Amino acid sequence: METNSIIQNFKEIVTNKYAQFTGRANKTEFWKYILVYIIVSVVLSMFINILGGVKLLRMLFMIIQGLFALALLIPSIAVGVRRMHDIGKGGGWILVNMIPLIGSIWFILLAIKDSEPGPNRFDK
């Protein structure tokens, strides 16, 4: 995986596909987005933990982390819905994440499935 393509994929989802709930997202598109999201979240969490004694800086990074999560809520849901479409499931399947523990595992298993070959009912 080329770093440039990972960042371009993330920017594409956040800018051009921000609230696009139609169509499909293949495994690569979905997991590249998730990888960047996780890396940024972990880095922000590390800064929050490192700056534990400096209350003002810690609070600043907590606010930044909250704004980051809030800003990417819609594109994260949208790419998840498009990923479910790619495997032939309705977008409502992302709600399986609301089931504690088991739901997240179930969603990950769905997200790692191969794409449904050929056109399906979710193609534009």
C-alpha atoms as a PDB file:
ATOM      1  CA  MET A   1       0.000   0.000   0.000  1.00  0.00           C
ATOM      2  CA  GLU A   2       1.353   3.351  -0.995  1.00  0.00           C
ATOM      3  CA  THR A   3       1.073   6.095   1.640  1.00  0.00           C
ATOM      4  CA  ASN A   4       0.038   8.659  -0.940  1.00  0.00           C
ATOM      5  CA  SER A   5      -2.912   6.553  -2.057  1.00  0.00           C
ATOM      6  CA  ILE A   6      -4.024   6.057   1.547  1.00  0.00           C
ATOM      7  CA  ILE A   7      -4.105   9.806   2.179  1.00  0.00           C
ATOM      8  CA  GLN A   8      -5.765  10.465  -1.196  1.00  0.00           C
ATOM      9  CA  ASN A   9      -8.413   7.839  -0.399  1.00  0.00           C
ATOM     10  CA  PHE A  10      -9.088   9.513   2.968  1.00  0.00           C
ATOM     11  CA  LYS A  11      -9.346  12.961   1.367  1.00  0.00           C
ATOM     12  CA  GLU A  12     -11.633  11.597  -1.361  1.00  0.00           C
ATOM     13  CA  ILE A  13     -14.032  10.147   1.210  1.00  0.00           C
ATOM     14  CA  VAL A  14     -13.988  13.219   3.440  1.00  0.00           C
ATOM     15  CA  THR A  15     -14.383  15.764   0.637  1.00  0.00           C
ATOM     16  CA  ASN A  16     -16.109  14.239  -2.399  1.00  0.00           C
ATOM     17  CA  LYS A  17     -18.045  11.454  -0.679  1.00  0.00           C
ATOM     18  CA  TYR A  18     -18.760  13.194   2.647  1.00  0.00           C
ATOM     19  CA  ALA A  19     -22.444  12.225   2.885  1.00  0.00           C
ATOM     20  CA  GLN A  20     -22.728   9.826  -0.040  1.00  0.00           C
ATOM     21  CA  PHE A  21     -24.822   6.912   1.185  1.00  0.00           C
ATOM     22  CA  THR A  22     -25.464   5.460  -2.277  1.00  0.00           C
ATOM     23  CA  GLY A  23     -23.185   3.229  -4.279  1.00  0.00           C
ATOM     24  CA  ARG A  24     -20.515   0.869  -3.077  1.00  0.00           C
ATOM     25  CA  ALA A  25     -17.176   1.034  -1.232  1.00  0.00           C
ATOM     26  CA  ASN A  26     -14.807  -1.859  -1.828  1.00  0.00           C
ATOM     27  CA  LYS A  27     -12.695  -3.388   0.926  1.00  0.00           C
ATOM     28  CA  THR A  28      -9.637  -1.323   0.065  1.00  0.00           C
ATOM     29  CA  GLU A  29     -11.469   2.011   0.126  1.00  0.00           C
ATOM     30  CA  PHE A  30     -13.145   1.202   3.447  1.00  0.00           C
ATOM     31  CA  TRP A  31     -10.094  -0.150   5.276  1.00  0.00           C
ATOM     32  CA  LYS A  32      -7.753   2.625   4.070  1.00  0.00           C
ATOM     33  CA  TYR A  33     -10.191   5.166   5.486  1.00  0.00           C
ATOM     34  CA  ILE A  34     -10.480   3.256   8.769  1.00  0.00           C
ATOM     35  CA  LEU A  35      -6.673   2.970   9.019  1.00  0.00           C
ATOM     36  CA  VAL A  36      -6.174   6.743   8.773  1.00  0.00           C
ATOM     37  CA  TYR A  37      -9.048   7.372  11.202  1.00  0.00           C
ATOM     38  CA  ILE A  38      -7.538   4.987  13.765  1.00  0.00           C
ATOM     39  CA  ILE A  39      -3.999   6.371  13.382  1.00  0.00           C
ATOM     40  CA  VAL A  40      -5.148   9.973  13.911  1.00  0.00           C
ATOM     41  CA  SER A  41      -7.297   8.941  16.892  1.00  0.00           C
ATOM     42  CA  VAL A  42      -4.434   7.022  18.506  1.00  0.00           C
ATOM     43  CA  VAL A  43      -1.992   9.913  17.992  1.00  0.00           C
ATOM     44  CA  LEU A  44      -4.443  12.370  19.557  1.00  0.00           C
ATOM     45  CA  SER A  45      -5.009   9.971  22.472  1.00  0.00           C
ATOM     46  CA  MET A  46      -1.261   9.660  22.974  1.00  0.00           C
ATOM     47  CA  PHE A  47      -0.931  13.450  23.157  1.00  0.00           C
ATOM     48  CA  ILE A  48      -3.759  13.564  25.695  1.00  0.00           C
ATOM     49  CA  ASN A  49      -2.011  10.926  27.847  1.00  0.00           C
ATOM     50  CA  ILE A  50       1.443  12.499  27.509  1.00  0.00           C
ATOM     51  CA  LEU A  51       0.122  15.941  28.427  1.00  0.00           C
ATOM     52  CA  GLY A  52      -1.785  14.634  31.447  1.00  0.00           C
ATOM     53  CA  GLY A  53      -0.091  17.060  33.843  1.00  0.00           C
ATOM     54  CA  VAL A  54      -0.602  20.139  31.684  1.00  0.00           C
ATOM     55  CA  LYS A  55      -4.332  20.636  32.038  1.00  0.00           C
ATOM     56  CA  LEU A  56      -4.757  23.360  29.410  1.00  0.00           C
ATOM     57  CA  LEU A  57      -2.921  21.443  26.666  1.00  0.00           C
ATOM     58  CA  ARG A  58      -4.638  18.212  27.629  1.00  0.00           C
ATOM     59  CA  MET A  59      -8.029  19.907  27.394  1.00  0.00           C
ATOM     60  CA  LEU A  60      -7.075  21.405  24.005  1.00  0.00           C
ATOM     61  CA  PHE A  61      -6.195  17.972  22.581  1.00  0.00           C
ATOM     62  CA  MET A  62      -9.383  16.484  24.044  1.00  0.00           C
ATOM     63  CA  ILE A  63     -11.384  19.172  22.248  1.00  0.00           C
ATOM     64  CA  ILE A  64      -9.458  18.526  19.016  1.00  0.00           C
ATOM     65  CA  GLN A  65     -10.134  14.792  19.325  1.00  0.00           C
ATOM     66  CA  GLY A  66     -13.832  15.420  19.925  1.00  0.00           C
ATOM     67  CA  LEU A  67     -14.079  17.774  16.937  1.00  0.00           C
ATOM     68  CA  PHE A  68     -12.210  15.248  14.771  1.00  0.00           C
ATOM     69  CA  ALA A  69     -14.665  12.489  15.706  1.00  0.00           C
ATOM     70  CA  LEU A  70     -17.661  14.778  15.216  1.00  0.00           C
ATOM     71  CA  ALA A  71     -16.430  16.061  11.840  1.00  0.00           C
ATOM     72  CA  LEU A  72     -15.903  12.518  10.562  1.00  0.00           C
ATOM     73  CA  LEU A  73     -19.108  11.009  11.961  1.00  0.00           C
ATOM     74  CA  ILE A  74     -21.109  11.399   8.724  1.00  0.00           C
ATOM     75  CA  PRO A  75     -18.362  10.226   6.328  1.00  0.00           C
ATOM     76  CA  SER A  76     -17.643   7.261   8.632  1.00  0.00           C
ATOM     77  CA  ILE A  77     -21.281   6.200   8.604  1.00  0.00           C
ATOM     78  CA  ALA A  78     -21.491   6.805   4.843  1.00  0.00           C
ATOM     79  CA  VAL A  79     -18.426   4.675   4.017  1.00  0.00           C
ATOM     80  CA  GLY A  80     -19.769   1.939   6.314  1.00  0.00           C
ATOM     81  CA  VAL A  81     -23.133   1.998   4.525  1.00  0.00           C
ATOM     82  CA  ARG A  82     -21.414   1.868   1.121  1.00  0.00           C
ATOM     83  CA  ARG A  83     -19.277  -1.055   2.361  1.00  0.00           C
ATOM     84  CA  MET A  84     -22.416  -2.960   3.357  1.00  0.00           C
ATOM     85  CA  HIS A  85     -23.858  -2.196  -0.095  1.00  0.00           C
ATOM     86  CA  ASP A  86     -20.725  -3.670  -1.666  1.00  0.00           C
ATOM     87  CA  ILE A  87     -21.338  -7.027  -0.001  1.00  0.00           C
ATOM     88  CA  GLY A  88     -25.017  -6.979  -0.935  1.00  0.00           C
ATOM     89  CA  LYS A  89     -26.410  -5.902   2.465  1.00  0.00           C
ATOM     90  CA  GLY A  90     -28.609  -2.904   3.197  1.00  0.00           C
ATOM     91  CA  GLY A  91     -27.068   0.124   4.885  1.00  0.00           C
ATOM     92  CA  GLY A  92     -29.008  -0.590   8.066  1.00  0.00           C
ATOM     93  CA  TRP A  93     -26.543  -3.365   8.804  1.00  0.00           C
ATOM     94  CA  ILE A  94     -24.157  -0.779  10.272  1.00  0.00           C
ATOM     95  CA  LEU A  95     -26.562  -0.587  13.212  1.00  0.00           C
ATOM     96  CA  VAL A  96     -25.318  -4.027  14.265  1.00  0.00           C
ATOM     97  CA  ASN A  97     -22.506  -2.009  15.890  1.00  0.00           C
ATOM     98  CA  MET A  98     -24.988  -0.942  18.553  1.00  0.00           C
ATOM     99  CA  ILE A  99     -25.021  -4.444  20.022  1.00  0.00           C
ATOM    100  CA  PRO A 100     -22.329  -4.384  22.726  1.00  0.00           C
ATOM    101  CA  LEU A 101     -19.125  -6.304  21.835  1.00  0.00           C
ATOM    102  CA  ILE A 102     -20.738  -8.897  19.571  1.00  0.00           C
ATOM    103  CA  GLY A 103     -22.067  -6.219  17.215  1.00  0.00           C
ATOM    104  CA  SER A 104     -18.633  -4.729  16.557  1.00  0.00           C
ATOM    105  CA  ILE A 105     -17.162  -8.156  15.883  1.00  0.00           C
ATOM    106  CA  TRP A 106     -20.068  -8.983  13.580  1.00  0.00           C
ATOM    107  CA  PHE A 107     -19.604  -5.708  11.661  1.00  0.00           C
ATOM    108  CA  ILE A 108     -15.863  -6.329  11.245  1.00  0.00           C
ATOM    109  CA  LEU A 109     -16.608  -9.799   9.881  1.00  0.00           C
ATOM    110  CA  LEU A 110     -19.074  -8.282   7.421  1.00  0.00           C
ATOM    111  CA  ALA A 111     -16.599  -5.551   6.425  1.00  0.00           C
ATOM    112  CA  ILE A 112     -13.818  -8.045   5.628  1.00  0.00           C
ATOM    113  CA  LYS A 113     -16.043 -10.079   3.316  1.00  0.00           C
ATOM    114  CA  ASP A 114     -15.214  -9.964  -0.378  1.00  0.00           C
ATOM    115  CA  SER A 115     -17.254  -7.702  -2.600  1.00  0.00           C
ATOM    116  CA  GLU A 116     -20.343  -9.113  -4.270  1.00  0.00           C
ATOM    117  CA  PRO A 117     -19.183  -9.908  -7.822  1.00  0.00           C
ATOM    118  CA  GLY A 118     -20.714  -7.914 -10.643  1.00  0.00           C
ATOM    119  CA  PRO A 119     -23.438  -5.315 -10.350  1.00  0.00           C
ATOM    120  CA  ASN A 120     -25.888  -5.528  -7.464  1.00  0.00           C
ATOM    121  CA  ARG A 121     -28.986  -3.621  -6.410  1.00  0.00           C
ATOM    122  CA  PHE A 122     -26.916  -0.810  -4.865  1.00  0.00           C
ATOM    123  CA  ASP A 123     -25.032   0.219  -8.003  1.00  0.00           C
ATOM    124  CA  LYS A 124     -25.860   3.668  -9.340  1.00  0.00           C
END
